[in-house]
């Protein structure tokens, strides 16, 4: 499987969610980078977030964000 730029943009957005507070969402403004706007729309269409411009994680979105953030923790070297 290839990680497309579109998929990576979705991963990056999921990595921004605060997993310690599920009542904290994201808002992507209409003057944001078009690639970010498209990624947030795709996440909404996939049922991972509540609004087409951000909002909160759905139950499925929370699972996805947890996995993305865990993978980042595993793969990104931690300072010694």
Protein backbone atom coordinates (compact mmCIF):
# COMPACT_ATOMS: atom_id res chain seq x y z
CA UNK A 1 0.00 0.00 0.00
CA UNK A 2 1.23 3.44 -0.92
CA UNK A 3 0.69 6.39 1.39
CA UNK A 4 -0.59 9.05 -0.98
CA UNK A 5 -0.16 12.76 -0.23
CA UNK A 6 -3.92 12.90 0.42
CA UNK A 7 -3.72 10.10 2.99
CA UNK A 8 -0.71 11.68 4.66
CA UNK A 9 -2.63 14.98 4.94
CA UNK A 10 -5.44 13.09 6.69
CA UNK A 11 -2.93 11.43 9.04
CA UNK A 12 -1.47 14.83 9.86
CA UNK A 13 -4.90 16.24 10.76
CA UNK A 14 -5.73 13.23 12.94
CA UNK A 15 -2.41 13.75 14.72
CA UNK A 16 -3.51 17.26 15.74
CA UNK A 17 -6.44 16.11 17.87
CA UNK A 18 -5.93 16.19 21.63
CA UNK A 19 -6.68 12.65 22.79
CA UNK A 20 -6.68 13.75 26.42
CA UNK A 21 -9.77 15.92 25.85
CA UNK A 22 -12.35 14.62 23.38
CA UNK A 23 -14.35 17.84 23.82
CA UNK A 24 -11.54 19.73 22.09
CA UNK A 25 -12.00 19.81 18.33
CA UNK A 26 -10.41 21.41 15.30
CA UNK A 27 -11.60 24.19 13.03
CA UNK A 28 -10.21 24.55 9.52
CA UNK A 29 -10.95 28.03 8.22
CA UNK A 30 -11.85 28.78 4.61
CA UNK A 31 -8.53 30.60 4.11
CA UNK A 32 -6.51 27.50 5.13
CA UNK A 33 -4.34 25.63 2.67
CA UNK A 34 -6.64 23.99 0.06
CA UNK A 35 -4.97 20.61 0.70
CA UNK A 36 -5.86 20.86 4.39
CA UNK A 37 -9.43 21.88 3.53
CA UNK A 38 -9.75 18.89 1.20
CA UNK A 39 -8.30 16.54 3.84
CA UNK A 40 -10.72 17.68 6.51
CA UNK A 41 -13.62 17.25 4.08
CA UNK A 42 -12.49 13.69 3.32
CA UNK A 43 -12.25 12.87 7.02
CA UNK A 44 -15.81 14.12 7.44
CA UNK A 45 -17.02 12.09 4.45
CA UNK A 46 -15.38 9.00 5.95
CA UNK A 47 -17.24 9.58 9.22
CA UNK A 48 -14.13 10.34 11.29
CA UNK A 49 -15.04 13.91 12.27
CA UNK A 50 -18.36 15.61 12.91
CA UNK A 51 -18.18 18.63 10.59
CA UNK A 52 -16.90 19.25 7.04
CA UNK A 53 -14.63 22.02 8.43
CA UNK A 54 -13.40 20.09 11.47
CA UNK A 55 -15.41 19.64 14.59
CA UNK A 56 -14.90 16.71 16.92
CA UNK A 57 -13.76 13.14 16.45
CA UNK A 58 -16.46 10.53 16.06
CA UNK A 59 -16.01 7.18 17.78
CA UNK A 60 -14.36 5.83 14.63
CA UNK A 61 -12.28 8.99 14.34
CA UNK A 62 -11.06 8.60 17.90
CA UNK A 63 -9.89 5.08 17.08
CA UNK A 64 -8.11 6.34 13.95
CA UNK A 65 -6.48 9.26 15.76
CA UNK A 66 -5.25 6.96 18.53
CA UNK A 67 -3.64 4.67 15.95
CA UNK A 68 -2.06 7.54 14.01
CA UNK A 69 -0.67 9.11 17.16
CA UNK A 70 0.61 5.76 18.46
CA UNK A 71 2.37 5.11 15.16
CA UNK A 72 3.96 8.55 15.28
CA UNK A 73 5.21 7.84 18.80
CA UNK A 74 6.74 4.55 17.65
CA UNK A 75 8.36 5.90 14.47
CA UNK A 76 9.54 9.36 15.52
CA UNK A 77 12.79 9.20 17.49
CA UNK A 78 12.51 10.54 21.00
CA UNK A 79 15.28 12.77 22.39
CA UNK A 80 17.71 10.91 24.63
